[in-house]
Amino acid sequence: MLIMSFSLILHSSSFRSLAIFILLFIIISSAYVLSGERRRSSSPSAPSIRHALMKIKTRTPPDMSLMLSEDPHMFSVVPRHFLPEVKNPCWYEEYHGDGSSDPYASNLFGHYFHHMRGVFQRLRRTFTKHLRVGDGGELYRFRCLPYFYIIGQPKCGTTDVFNRLRLHPDVRLASLKEPHWWSRKRYGIMGSAGGVHTHYGLQDYLDLFDLAAADIQDSSSHIITGEGSASTMWDNNAWFHLHDNSTEAEPPLLNQDFIHGLQPDARLIVILRDPVERLYSDYLYFGVSDKSSDDFHVKVSESVMMFNGCVQHSSLRSCVYNRTLYNAMRIQDSRFKGALLA
């Protein structure tokens, strides 16, 4: 019935003209799109790193003894086994103060992050309440590590996931969304390209979870905590400050090695995105002004060619972690190279 009605309509002159106009419009539009596709296919394309990715080999996890020798203090503070009655990785740590001293006075996060001062002020008011007295009169404080780590790439929505998880009644997130402790702060590195400054100790990091620890200790064994430092996944540049950097070298230990050594059951939340879209979003967000798609294309093409040149005579991983290559690239972004091994 519908076909017959449409056929009758086409027999009128006005609707016949309209149909002819629509048909011509479709033909012209199709020709324009096809010609554009031919122009794009004939233009020089960006170099590919696909051949390099095919050479990647499974990395052998380092021996635990190597991690112990690298950071013996961390493994002496955190026990090998956590309290079985709570879901989050927590334990009781002996406190050597007298209960009246300020346990957060030397915390570097409190010194350099203004909003953390209010958090620590709140914790000071109830600190002695949460101390437990041992059989010999010694004092113990309740300590926790994150149950989960949000380690997805930047510009992939990690902040959105962090804020959504905050709404869950059994989740208490770190007082600082991205402490960057595993990748930078514990080595004394302030940024992805910064030099070495004051080292943030393990106690400074654990203090970020004291609000969650207080809730776990007071009310619920089901509460968990976590943090969202995206750099934990891709930023291993700290090794350059600790070991020699040669073209054949790669970090003997990565961030994930220490986390796994300390917390074999840690949950990792990884958020990824189309790599080209992600890098372009990152390019627009960071760096200098006067940006354009053409500038982005040129810089990425040059960087890919430099990277391909490196993998011709060195291993893929050694090129990813090569600091000299990183500094020479037009897009100086650890995420650009680190994403290859994510």
C-alpha atoms as a PDB file:
ATOM      1  CA  MET A   1       0.000   0.000   0.000  1.00  0.00           C
ATOM      2  CA  LEU A   2       2.811   2.380   0.889  1.00  0.00           C
ATOM      3  CA  ILE A   3       4.638   1.582  -2.376  1.00  0.00           C
ATOM      4  CA  MET A   4       1.524   2.268  -4.420  1.00  0.00           C
ATOM      5  CA  SER A   5       0.958   5.616  -2.669  1.00  0.00           C
ATOM      6  CA  PHE A   6       4.550   6.637  -3.274  1.00  0.00           C
ATOM      7  CA  SER A   7       4.219   5.683  -6.954  1.00  0.00           C
ATOM      8  CA  LEU A   8       1.145   7.859  -7.329  1.00  0.00           C
ATOM      9  CA  ILE A   9       2.892  10.804  -5.697  1.00  0.00           C
ATOM     10  CA  LEU A  10       5.796  10.587  -8.135  1.00  0.00           C
ATOM     11  CA  HIS A  11       3.430  10.995 -11.058  1.00  0.00           C
ATOM     12  CA  SER A  12       2.708  14.574 -10.034  1.00  0.00           C
ATOM     13  CA  SER A  13       5.110  17.094 -11.565  1.00  0.00           C
ATOM     14  CA  SER A  14       6.083  18.854  -8.320  1.00  0.00           C
ATOM     15  CA  PHE A  15       6.999  15.673  -6.499  1.00  0.00           C
ATOM     16  CA  ARG A  16       8.797  14.361  -9.591  1.00  0.00           C
ATOM     17  CA  SER A  17      11.006  17.447  -9.563  1.00  0.00           C
ATOM     18  CA  LEU A  18      11.696  17.015  -5.862  1.00  0.00           C
ATOM     19  CA  ALA A  19      12.673  13.390  -6.375  1.00  0.00           C
ATOM     20  CA  ILE A  20      15.040  14.324  -9.192  1.00  0.00           C
ATOM     21  CA  PHE A  21      16.641  17.031  -7.019  1.00  0.00           C
ATOM     22  CA  ILE A  22      17.181  14.580  -4.136  1.00  0.00           C
ATOM     23  CA  LEU A  23      18.689  12.003  -6.511  1.00  0.00           C
ATOM     24  CA  LEU A  24      21.119  14.572  -7.966  1.00  0.00           C
ATOM     25  CA  PHE A  25      22.080  15.706  -4.468  1.00  0.00           C
ATOM     26  CA  ILE A  26      22.928  12.129  -3.434  1.00  0.00           C
ATOM     27  CA  ILE A  27      25.010  11.559  -6.582  1.00  0.00           C
ATOM     28  CA  ILE A  28      26.982  14.812  -6.164  1.00  0.00           C
ATOM     29  CA  SER A  29      27.562  14.181  -2.444  1.00  0.00           C
ATOM     30  CA  SER A  30      28.789  10.649  -3.105  1.00  0.00           C
ATOM     31  CA  ALA A  31      31.184  11.873  -5.783  1.00  0.00           C
ATOM     32  CA  TYR A  32      32.552  14.504  -3.402  1.00  0.00           C
ATOM     33  CA  VAL A  33      33.104  12.004  -0.602  1.00  0.00           C
ATOM     34  CA  LEU A  34      34.790   9.502  -2.919  1.00  0.00           C
ATOM     35  CA  SER A  35      37.097  12.152  -4.349  1.00  0.00           C
ATOM     36  CA  GLY A  36      38.042  13.179  -0.820  1.00  0.00           C
ATOM     37  CA  GLU A  37      38.843   9.591   0.046  1.00  0.00           C
ATOM     38  CA  ARG A  38      41.091   9.339  -3.041  1.00  0.00           C
ATOM     39  CA  ARG A  39      42.915  12.523  -2.047  1.00  0.00           C
ATOM     40  CA  ARG A  40      43.486  11.234   1.451  1.00  0.00           C
ATOM     41  CA  SER A  41      44.671   7.862   0.194  1.00  0.00           C
ATOM     42  CA  SER A  42      47.146   9.484  -2.174  1.00  0.00           C
ATOM     43  CA  SER A  43      48.616  11.817   0.485  1.00  0.00           C
ATOM     44  CA  PRO A  44      51.648  10.691   2.514  1.00  0.00           C
ATOM     45  CA  SER A  45      50.567   8.653   5.495  1.00  0.00           C
ATOM     46  CA  ALA A  46      52.089   8.659   8.947  1.00  0.00           C
ATOM     47  CA  PRO A  47      54.785   6.043   9.495  1.00  0.00           C
ATOM     48  CA  SER A  48      53.677   2.910  11.268  1.00  0.00           C
ATOM     49  CA  ILE A  49      55.160   1.266  14.343  1.00  0.00           C
ATOM     50  CA  ARG A  50      53.217  -1.947  13.811  1.00  0.00           C
ATOM     51  CA  HIS A  51      56.297  -3.878  12.780  1.00  0.00           C
ATOM     52  CA  ALA A  52      57.979  -2.938  16.038  1.00  0.00           C
ATOM     53  CA  LEU A  53      55.059  -4.140  18.107  1.00  0.00           C
ATOM     54  CA  MET A  54      55.357  -7.580  16.558  1.00  0.00           C
ATOM     55  CA  LYS A  55      58.787  -7.995  18.123  1.00  0.00           C
ATOM     56  CA  ILE A  56      57.683  -7.547  21.709  1.00  0.00           C
ATOM     57  CA  LYS A  57      58.469 -10.410  24.060  1.00  0.00           C
ATOM     58  CA  THR A  58      56.955 -11.308  27.385  1.00  0.00           C
ATOM     59  CA  ARG A  59      58.864  -9.687  30.198  1.00  0.00           C
ATOM     60  CA  THR A  60      60.185 -11.949  32.934  1.00  0.00           C
ATOM     61  CA  PRO A  61      59.154 -10.663  36.394  1.00  0.00           C
ATOM     62  CA  PRO A  62      62.147  -9.792  38.575  1.00  0.00           C
ATOM     63  CA  ASP A  63      63.154 -11.873  41.537  1.00  0.00           C
ATOM     64  CA  MET A  64      61.816 -10.778  44.913  1.00  0.00           C
ATOM     65  CA  SER A  65      65.344 -10.494  46.281  1.00  0.00           C
ATOM     66  CA  LEU A  66      66.082  -7.713  43.784  1.00  0.00           C
ATOM     67  CA  MET A  67      63.132  -5.676  45.056  1.00  0.00           C
ATOM     68  CA  LEU A  68      64.142  -6.279  48.646  1.00  0.00           C
ATOM     69  CA  SER A  69      67.622  -4.983  47.961  1.00  0.00           C
ATOM     70  CA  GLU A  70      66.238  -1.943  46.100  1.00  0.00           C
ATOM     71  CA  ASP A  71      63.854  -0.848  48.866  1.00  0.00           C
ATOM     72  CA  PRO A  72      64.355  -2.872  52.066  1.00  0.00           C
ATOM     73  CA  HIS A  73      62.561  -0.284  54.209  1.00  0.00           C
ATOM     74  CA  MET A  74      59.262  -0.560  52.336  1.00  0.00           C
ATOM     75  CA  PHE A  75      59.170  -4.330  52.668  1.00  0.00           C
ATOM     76  CA  SER A  76      60.085  -4.127  56.355  1.00  0.00           C
ATOM     77  CA  VAL A  77      57.194  -1.753  57.126  1.00  0.00           C
ATOM     78  CA  VAL A  78      54.424  -3.517  55.207  1.00  0.00           C
ATOM     79  CA  PRO A  79      53.752  -7.062  56.472  1.00  0.00           C
ATOM     80  CA  ARG A  80      53.574 -10.031  54.124  1.00  0.00           C
ATOM     81  CA  HIS A  81      50.070 -10.859  55.343  1.00  0.00           C
ATOM     82  CA  PHE A  82      47.226  -8.473  56.146  1.00  0.00           C
ATOM     83  CA  LEU A  83      44.410  -8.661  58.702  1.00  0.00           C
ATOM     84  CA  PRO A  84      42.063 -11.443  57.571  1.00  0.00           C
ATOM     85  CA  GLU A  85      38.963  -9.904  59.156  1.00  0.00           C
ATOM     86  CA  VAL A  86      38.896  -6.866  56.861  1.00  0.00           C
ATOM     87  CA  LYS A  87      38.565  -6.777  53.087  1.00  0.00           C
ATOM     88  CA  ASN A  88      41.074  -3.961  52.528  1.00  0.00           C
ATOM     89  CA  PRO A  89      44.823  -4.676  52.983  1.00  0.00           C
ATOM     90  CA  CYS A  90      45.367  -3.327  56.517  1.00  0.00           C
ATOM     91  CA  TRP A  91      47.537  -4.088  59.537  1.00  0.00           C
ATOM     92  CA  TYR A  92      48.561  -2.723  62.928  1.00  0.00           C
ATOM     93  CA  GLU A  93      51.873  -0.865  62.968  1.00  0.00           C
ATOM     94  CA  GLU A  94      53.758  -0.016  66.132  1.00  0.00           C
ATOM     95  CA  TYR A  95      53.637   3.706  66.887  1.00  0.00           C
ATOM     96  CA  HIS A  96      56.725   5.111  68.557  1.00  0.00           C
ATOM     97  CA  GLY A  97      55.250   8.453  69.609  1.00  0.00           C
ATOM     98  CA  ASP A  98      53.698   9.165  72.969  1.00  0.00           C
ATOM     99  CA  GLY A  99      50.223   9.957  71.673  1.00  0.00           C
ATOM    100  CA  SER A 100      50.566  13.696  72.223  1.00  0.00           C
ATOM    101  CA  SER A 101      52.955  14.460  69.353  1.00  0.00           C
ATOM    102  CA  ASP A 102      51.688  15.404  65.894  1.00  0.00           C
ATOM    103  CA  PRO A 103      51.913  12.293  63.670  1.00  0.00           C
ATOM    104  CA  TYR A 104      51.429  14.382  60.494  1.00  0.00           C
ATOM    105  CA  ALA A 105      53.832  17.232  61.227  1.00  0.00           C
ATOM    106  CA  SER A 106      56.492  16.014  58.790  1.00  0.00           C
ATOM    107  CA  ASN A 107      54.189  14.716  56.062  1.00  0.00           C
ATOM    108  CA  LEU A 108      55.322  16.232  52.760  1.00  0.00           C
ATOM    109  CA  PHE A 109      51.884  15.960  51.187  1.00  0.00           C
ATOM    110  CA  GLY A 110      50.672  18.262  53.941  1.00  0.00           C
ATOM    111  CA  HIS A 111      53.502  20.691  53.242  1.00  0.00           C
ATOM    112  CA  TYR A 112      53.004  20.950  49.487  1.00  0.00           C
ATOM    113  CA  PHE A 113      49.258  20.294  49.016  1.00  0.00           C
ATOM    114  CA  HIS A 114      47.154  22.933  50.711  1.00  0.00           C
ATOM    115  CA  HIS A 115      43.914  20.950  51.015  1.00  0.00           C
ATOM    116  CA  MET A 116      45.770  18.103  52.747  1.00  0.00           C
ATOM    117  CA  ARG A 117      46.396  20.365  55.742  1.00  0.00           C
ATOM    118  CA  GLY A 118      42.690  20.348  56.545  1.00  0.00           C
ATOM    119  CA  VAL A 119      42.550  16.573  56.179  1.00  0.00           C
ATOM    120  CA  PHE A 120      45.441  16.072  58.576  1.00  0.00           C
ATOM    121  CA  GLN A 121      43.929  18.565  61.028  1.00  0.00           C
ATOM    122  CA  ARG A 122      40.795  16.449  61.131  1.00  0.00           C
ATOM    123  CA  LEU A 123      42.814  13.271  61.631  1.00  0.00           C
ATOM    124  CA  ARG A 124      44.792  14.805  64.502  1.00  0.00           C
ATOM    125  CA  ARG A 125      41.612  15.317  66.541  1.00  0.00           C
ATOM    126  CA  THR A 126      40.810  11.596  66.613  1.00  0.00           C
ATOM    127  CA  PHE A 127      44.295  10.123  66.327  1.00  0.00           C
ATOM    128  CA  THR A 128      44.730   8.959  69.929  1.00  0.00           C
ATOM    129  CA  LYS A 129      41.244   7.429  69.883  1.00  0.00           C
ATOM    130  CA  HIS A 130      42.346   4.985  67.193  1.00  0.00           C
ATOM    131  CA  LEU A 131      45.568   3.879  68.896  1.00  0.00           C
ATOM    132  CA  ARG A 132      45.573   0.362  70.310  1.00  0.00           C
ATOM    133  CA  VAL A 133      47.585  -0.566  73.402  1.00  0.00           C
ATOM    134  CA  GLY A 134      49.581  -3.807  73.258  1.00  0.00           C
ATOM    135  CA  ASP A 135      50.145  -6.294  76.048  1.00  0.00           C
ATOM    136  CA  GLY A 136      53.443  -4.640  76.911  1.00  0.00           C
ATOM    137  CA  GLY A 137      52.040  -1.102  76.861  1.00  0.00           C
ATOM    138  CA  GLU A 138      53.284  -0.347  73.341  1.00  0.00           C
ATOM    139  CA  LEU A 139      51.038   1.644  71.027  1.00  0.00           C
ATOM    140  CA  TYR A 140      49.798   0.506  67.601  1.00  0.00           C
ATOM    141  CA  ARG A 141      48.121   2.449  64.815  1.00  0.00           C
ATOM    142  CA  PHE A 142      45.849   1.041  62.123  1.00  0.00           C
ATOM    143  CA  ARG A 143      47.410   1.324  58.637  1.00  0.00           C
ATOM    144  CA  CYS A 144      46.077   0.513  55.170  1.00  0.00           C
ATOM    145  CA  LEU A 145      47.237   0.333  51.573  1.00  0.00           C
ATOM    146  CA  PRO A 146      44.846   0.800  48.637  1.00  0.00           C
ATOM    147  CA  TYR A 147      42.607  -2.103  47.750  1.00  0.00           C
ATOM    148  CA  PHE A 148      42.620  -0.905  44.130  1.00  0.00           C
ATOM    149  CA  TYR A 149      44.644   1.373  41.864  1.00  0.00           C
ATOM    150  CA  ILE A 150      43.176   3.307  38.922  1.00  0.00           C
ATOM    151  CA  ILE A 151      46.093   3.241  36.477  1.00  0.00           C
ATOM    152  CA  GLY A 152      44.495   3.972  33.115  1.00  0.00           C
ATOM    153  CA  GLN A 153      46.114   6.310  30.623  1.00  0.00           C
ATOM    154  CA  PRO A 154      45.625  10.100  30.911  1.00  0.00           C
ATOM    155  CA  LYS A 155      42.707  11.622  28.988  1.00  0.00           C
ATOM    156  CA  CYS A 156      40.821   8.340  29.221  1.00  0.00           C
ATOM    157  CA  GLY A 157      38.318   9.225  31.954  1.00  0.00           C
ATOM    158  CA  THR A 158      40.189   8.162  35.107  1.00  0.00           C
ATOM    159  CA  THR A 159      38.895  11.182  37.033  1.00  0.00           C
ATOM    160  CA  ASP A 160      35.318  10.341  36.093  1.00  0.00           C
ATOM    161  CA  VAL A 161      35.734   6.746  37.277  1.00  0.00           C
ATOM    162  CA  PHE A 162      37.389   7.993  40.479  1.00  0.00           C
ATOM    163  CA  ASN A 163      34.454  10.299  41.245  1.00  0.00           C
ATOM    164  CA  ARG A 164      31.871   7.622  40.423  1.00  0.00           C
ATOM    165  CA  LEU A 165      33.539   5.108  42.722  1.00  0.00           C
ATOM    166  CA  ARG A 166      33.427   7.711  45.474  1.00  0.00           C
ATOM    167  CA  LEU A 167      29.617   7.420  45.447  1.00  0.00           C
ATOM    168  CA  HIS A 168      29.694   3.767  46.514  1.00  0.00           C
ATOM    169  CA  PRO A 169      28.855   3.412  50.224  1.00  0.00           C
ATOM    170  CA  ASP A 170      31.687   0.950  50.833  1.00  0.00           C
ATOM    171  CA  VAL A 171      34.426   2.955  49.073  1.00  0.00           C
ATOM    172  CA  ARG A 172      36.626   5.519  50.830  1.00  0.00           C
ATOM    173  CA  LEU A 173      39.115   7.005  48.372  1.00  0.00           C
ATOM    174  CA  ALA A 174      42.517   8.509  49.110  1.00  0.00           C
ATOM    175  CA  SER A 175      42.539  12.112  50.293  1.00  0.00           C
ATOM    176  CA  LEU A 176      44.533  12.960  47.156  1.00  0.00           C
ATOM    177  CA  LYS A 177      43.331  11.593  43.809  1.00  0.00           C
ATOM    178  CA  GLU A 178      46.760  11.352  42.147  1.00  0.00           C
ATOM    179  CA  PRO A 179      49.598  11.197  44.676  1.00  0.00           C
ATOM    180  CA  HIS A 180      51.957   9.740  42.015  1.00  0.00           C
ATOM    181  CA  TRP A 181      53.855   8.059  44.810  1.00  0.00           C
ATOM    182  CA  TRP A 182      54.795   4.799  43.116  1.00  0.00           C
ATOM    183  CA  SER A 183      56.095   6.488  39.974  1.00  0.00           C
ATOM    184  CA  ARG A 184      57.586   9.757  41.239  1.00  0.00           C
ATOM    185  CA  LYS A 185      57.211  10.958  44.813  1.00  0.00           C
ATOM    186  CA  ARG A 186      58.982   8.083  46.497  1.00  0.00           C
ATOM    187  CA  TYR A 187      62.000   8.842  44.316  1.00  0.00           C
ATOM    188  CA  GLY A 188      61.764  12.571  45.021  1.00  0.00           C
ATOM    189  CA  ILE A 189      60.520  13.435  41.521  1.00  0.00           C
ATOM    190  CA  MET A 190      57.901  16.166  41.360  1.00  0.00           C
ATOM    191  CA  GLY A 191      56.816  15.762  37.725  1.00  0.00           C
ATOM    192  CA  SER A 192      57.254  13.613  34.644  1.00  0.00           C
ATOM    193  CA  ALA A 193      60.232  15.728  33.535  1.00  0.00           C
ATOM    194  CA  GLY A 194      61.443  16.991  36.898  1.00  0.00           C
ATOM    195  CA  GLY A 195      64.691  16.382  38.702  1.00  0.00           C
ATOM    196  CA  VAL A 196      65.169  14.716  42.058  1.00  0.00           C
ATOM    197  CA  HIS A 197      63.982  16.614  45.131  1.00  0.00           C
ATOM    198  CA  THR A 198      62.908  15.499  48.606  1.00  0.00           C
ATOM    199  CA  HIS A 199      61.820  11.891  48.791  1.00  0.00           C
ATOM    200  CA  TYR A 200      58.297  11.215  50.037  1.00  0.00           C
ATOM    201  CA  GLY A 201      58.535   8.323  52.476  1.00  0.00           C
ATOM    202  CA  LEU A 202      56.193   5.364  52.715  1.00  0.00           C
ATOM    203  CA  GLN A 203      54.652   6.850  55.878  1.00  0.00           C
ATOM    204  CA  ASP A 204      53.711   9.974  53.914  1.00  0.00           C
ATOM    205  CA  TYR A 205      51.873   7.789  51.411  1.00  0.00           C
ATOM    206  CA  LEU A 206      50.121   5.652  54.023  1.00  0.00           C
ATOM    207  CA  ASP A 207      48.845   8.795  55.763  1.00  0.00           C
ATOM    208  CA  LEU A 208      46.722   9.511  52.663  1.00  0.00           C
ATOM    209  CA  PHE A 209      44.557   6.501  53.562  1.00  0.00           C
ATOM    210  CA  ASP A 210      44.154   7.232  57.280  1.00  0.00           C
ATOM    211  CA  LEU A 211      40.617   8.590  56.849  1.00  0.00           C
ATOM    212  CA  ALA A 212      39.612   5.316  55.201  1.00  0.00           C
ATOM    213  CA  ALA A 213      41.553   3.347  57.828  1.00  0.00           C
ATOM    214  CA  ALA A 214      39.640   5.096  60.611  1.00  0.00           C
ATOM    215  CA  ASP A 215      36.301   4.172  59.029  1.00  0.00           C
ATOM    216  CA  ILE A 216      37.409   0.561  58.529  1.00  0.00           C
ATOM    217  CA  GLN A 217      38.611   0.348  62.116  1.00  0.00           C
ATOM    218  CA  ASP A 218      35.472   1.981  63.532  1.00  0.00           C
ATOM    219  CA  SER A 219      32.568   0.702  61.528  1.00  0.00           C
ATOM    220  CA  SER A 220      32.929  -1.774  58.678  1.00  0.00           C
ATOM    221  CA  SER A 221      35.216  -4.561  57.584  1.00  0.00           C
ATOM    222  CA  HIS A 222      33.764  -4.291  54.060  1.00  0.00           C
ATOM    223  CA  ILE A 223      35.052  -0.771  53.330  1.00  0.00           C
ATOM    224  CA  ILE A 224      37.831  -0.509  50.760  1.00  0.00           C
ATOM    225  CA  THR A 225      40.025   2.344  49.625  1.00  0.00           C
ATOM    226  CA  GLY A 226      41.953   3.230  46.480  1.00  0.00           C
ATOM    227  CA  GLU A 227      43.762   5.937  44.560  1.00  0.00           C
ATOM    228  CA  GLY A 228      43.936   7.132  40.958  1.00  0.00           C
ATOM    229  CA  SER A 229      47.512   7.931  39.905  1.00  0.00           C
ATOM    230  CA  ALA A 230      47.435   7.265  36.171  1.00  0.00           C
ATOM    231  CA  SER A 231      51.237   7.583  36.005  1.00  0.00           C
ATOM    232  CA  THR A 232      51.625   4.312  37.903  1.00  0.00           C
ATOM    233  CA  MET A 233      50.926   2.557  34.618  1.00  0.00           C
ATOM    234  CA  TRP A 234      53.235   4.347  32.208  1.00  0.00           C
ATOM    235  CA  ASP A 235      55.784   6.531  34.019  1.00  0.00           C
ATOM    236  CA  ASN A 236      58.916   4.570  34.906  1.00  0.00           C
ATOM    237  CA  ASN A 237      61.313   7.412  34.150  1.00  0.00           C
ATOM    238  CA  ALA A 238      62.578   7.401  37.730  1.00  0.00           C
ATOM    239  CA  TRP A 239      64.879   4.528  36.830  1.00  0.00           C
ATOM    240  CA  PHE A 240      67.001   7.023  34.892  1.00  0.00           C
ATOM    241  CA  HIS A 241      67.948   8.687  38.177  1.00  0.00           C
ATOM    242  CA  LEU A 242      68.841   5.373  39.789  1.00  0.00           C
ATOM    243  CA  HIS A 243      70.567   3.397  37.042  1.00  0.00           C
ATOM    244  CA  ASP A 244      72.714   4.071  34.007  1.00  0.00           C
ATOM    245  CA  ASN A 245      70.737   4.700  30.820  1.00  0.00           C
ATOM    246  CA  SER A 246      72.239   3.031  27.776  1.00  0.00           C
ATOM    247  CA  THR A 247      70.582   2.193  24.474  1.00  0.00           C
ATOM    248  CA  GLU A 248      70.485  -1.478  25.416  1.00  0.00           C
ATOM    249  CA  ALA A 249      69.171  -0.913  28.938  1.00  0.00           C
ATOM    250  CA  GLU A 250      65.697  -1.032  30.396  1.00  0.00           C
ATOM    251  CA  PRO A 251      64.510  -0.584  33.986  1.00  0.00           C
ATOM    252  CA  PRO A 252      65.281  -3.669  36.039  1.00  0.00           C
ATOM    253  CA  LEU A 253      62.227  -2.888  38.207  1.00  0.00           C
ATOM    254  CA  LEU A 254      58.934  -1.255  37.268  1.00  0.00           C
ATOM    255  CA  ASN A 255      56.186   0.313  39.390  1.00  0.00           C
ATOM    256  CA  GLN A 256      53.997  -2.738  38.987  1.00  0.00           C
ATOM    257  CA  ASP A 257      56.781  -5.007  40.234  1.00  0.00           C
ATOM    258  CA  PHE A 258      56.823  -3.250  43.605  1.00  0.00           C
ATOM    259  CA  ILE A 259      53.038  -3.204  43.885  1.00  0.00           C
ATOM    260  CA  HIS A 260      52.837  -6.910  43.074  1.00  0.00           C
ATOM    261  CA  GLY A 261      55.666  -7.693  45.467  1.00  0.00           C
ATOM    262  CA  LEU A 262      53.949  -5.786  48.249  1.00  0.00           C
ATOM    263  CA  GLN A 263      50.336  -6.654  47.355  1.00  0.00           C
ATOM    264  CA  PRO A 264      50.012  -9.748  45.150  1.00  0.00           C
ATOM    265  CA  ASP A 265      46.209  -9.428  45.282  1.00  0.00           C
ATOM    266  CA  ALA A 266      45.980  -5.711  44.459  1.00  0.00           C
ATOM    267  CA  ARG A 267      43.207  -4.766  42.028  1.00  0.00           C
ATOM    268  CA  LEU A 268      44.220  -2.659  39.041  1.00  0.00           C
ATOM    269  CA  ILE A 269      41.600  -0.643  37.149  1.00  0.00           C
ATOM    270  CA  VAL A 270      42.934   0.130  33.667  1.00  0.00           C
ATOM    271  CA  ILE A 271      41.112   2.585  31.403  1.00  0.00           C
ATOM    272  CA  LEU A 272      42.154   2.790  27.763  1.00  0.00           C
ATOM    273  CA  ARG A 273      41.021   4.769  24.728  1.00  0.00           C
ATOM    274  CA  ASP A 274      41.622   4.834  20.990  1.00  0.00           C
ATOM    275  CA  PRO A 275      45.378   5.631  20.996  1.00  0.00           C
ATOM    276  CA  VAL A 276      45.215   8.308  18.302  1.00  0.00           C
ATOM    277  CA  GLU A 277      42.290  10.114  19.904  1.00  0.00           C
ATOM    278  CA  ARG A 278      43.916   9.850  23.310  1.00  0.00           C
ATOM    279  CA  LEU A 279      47.245  11.254  22.137  1.00  0.00           C
ATOM    280  CA  TYR A 280      45.545  14.110  20.283  1.00  0.00           C
ATOM    281  CA  SER A 281      43.515  14.976  23.386  1.00  0.00           C
ATOM    282  CA  ASP A 282      46.724  14.882  25.411  1.00  0.00           C
ATOM    283  CA  TYR A 283      48.416  17.118  22.812  1.00  0.00           C
ATOM    284  CA  LEU A 284      45.618  19.683  23.095  1.00  0.00           C
ATOM    285  CA  TYR A 285      45.624  19.627  26.897  1.00  0.00           C
ATOM    286  CA  PHE A 286      49.353  19.905  27.534  1.00  0.00           C
ATOM    287  CA  GLY A 287      52.183  21.842  25.948  1.00  0.00           C
ATOM    288  CA  VAL A 288      52.503  25.101  24.043  1.00  0.00           C
ATOM    289  CA  SER A 289      49.915  27.157  22.174  1.00  0.00           C
ATOM    290  CA  ASP A 290      49.398  27.488  18.386  1.00  0.00           C
ATOM    291  CA  LYS A 291      48.245  23.900  18.074  1.00  0.00           C
ATOM    292  CA  SER A 292      46.635  22.377  15.024  1.00  0.00           C
ATOM    293  CA  SER A 293      45.899  18.984  13.517  1.00  0.00           C
ATOM    294  CA  ASP A 294      48.669  19.548  10.939  1.00  0.00           C
ATOM    295  CA  ASP A 295      51.191  20.383  13.680  1.00  0.00           C
ATOM    296  CA  PHE A 296      50.117  17.288  15.594  1.00  0.00           C
ATOM    297  CA  HIS A 297      50.518  15.107  12.479  1.00  0.00           C
ATOM    298  CA  VAL A 298      54.004  16.415  11.728  1.00  0.00           C
ATOM    299  CA  LYS A 299      55.246  15.993  15.299  1.00  0.00           C
ATOM    300  CA  VAL A 300      53.835  12.504  15.695  1.00  0.00           C
ATOM    301  CA  SER A 301      55.188  11.396  12.305  1.00  0.00           C
ATOM    302  CA  GLU A 302      58.671  12.621  13.200  1.00  0.00           C
ATOM    303  CA  SER A 303      58.494  10.946  16.607  1.00  0.00           C
ATOM    304  CA  VAL A 304      57.371   7.639  15.111  1.00  0.00           C
ATOM    305  CA  MET A 305      60.201   7.725  12.561  1.00  0.00           C
ATOM    306  CA  MET A 306      62.714   8.364  15.346  1.00  0.00           C
ATOM    307  CA  PHE A 307      61.266   5.495  17.346  1.00  0.00           C
ATOM    308  CA  ASN A 308      61.390   3.176  14.347  1.00  0.00           C
ATOM    309  CA  GLY A 309      65.006   4.148  13.839  1.00  0.00           C
ATOM    310  CA  CYS A 310      65.775   3.159  17.413  1.00  0.00           C
ATOM    311  CA  VAL A 311      64.153  -0.284  17.207  1.00  0.00           C
ATOM    312  CA  GLN A 312      66.255  -1.097  14.132  1.00  0.00           C
ATOM    313  CA  HIS A 313      69.299  -1.532  16.374  1.00  0.00           C
ATOM    314  CA  SER A 314      67.872  -1.823  19.906  1.00  0.00           C
ATOM    315  CA  SER A 315      65.127  -3.743  21.645  1.00  0.00           C
ATOM    316  CA  LEU A 316      61.624  -2.320  21.817  1.00  0.00           C
ATOM    317  CA  ARG A 317      61.721  -1.879  25.567  1.00  0.00           C
ATOM    318  CA  SER A 318      65.110  -0.196  25.588  1.00  0.00           C
ATOM    319  CA  CYS A 319      63.743   2.360  23.087  1.00  0.00           C
ATOM    320  CA  VAL A 320      60.624   2.943  25.164  1.00  0.00           C
ATOM    321  CA  TYR A 321      62.728   3.695  28.239  1.00  0.00           C
ATOM    322  CA  ASN A 322      65.548   5.539  26.457  1.00  0.00           C
ATOM    323  CA  ARG A 323      65.757   9.008  27.983  1.00  0.00           C
ATOM    324  CA  THR A 324      67.877  10.447  25.154  1.00  0.00           C
ATOM    325  CA  LEU A 325      65.272   9.415  22.604  1.00  0.00           C
ATOM    326  CA  TYR A 326      62.505  10.809  24.797  1.00  0.00           C
ATOM    327  CA  ASN A 327      64.160  14.234  24.971  1.00  0.00           C
ATOM    328  CA  ALA A 328      64.697  14.318  21.204  1.00  0.00           C
ATOM    329  CA  MET A 329      61.110  13.549  20.256  1.00  0.00           C
ATOM    330  CA  ARG A 330      58.921  16.414  19.062  1.00  0.00           C
ATOM    331  CA  ILE A 331      56.103  15.078  21.226  1.00  0.00           C
ATOM    332  CA  GLN A 332      57.853  14.587  24.531  1.00  0.00           C
ATOM    333  CA  ASP A 333      55.258  12.427  26.178  1.00  0.00           C
ATOM    334  CA  SER A 334      56.114   9.330  28.166  1.00  0.00           C
ATOM    335  CA  ARG A 335      52.538   8.229  27.599  1.00  0.00           C
ATOM    336  CA  PHE A 336      53.170   8.140  23.824  1.00  0.00           C
ATOM    337  CA  LYS A 337      55.906   5.557  24.257  1.00  0.00           C
ATOM    338  CA  GLY A 338      54.798   4.012  27.531  1.00  0.00           C
ATOM    339  CA  ALA A 339      51.434   3.078  26.042  1.00  0.00           C
ATOM    340  CA  LEU A 340      53.263   0.659  23.753  1.00  0.00           C
ATOM    341  CA  LEU A 341      54.080  -1.540  26.724  1.00  0.00           C
ATOM    342  CA  ALA A 342      50.976  -0.904  28.779  1.00  0.00           C
END
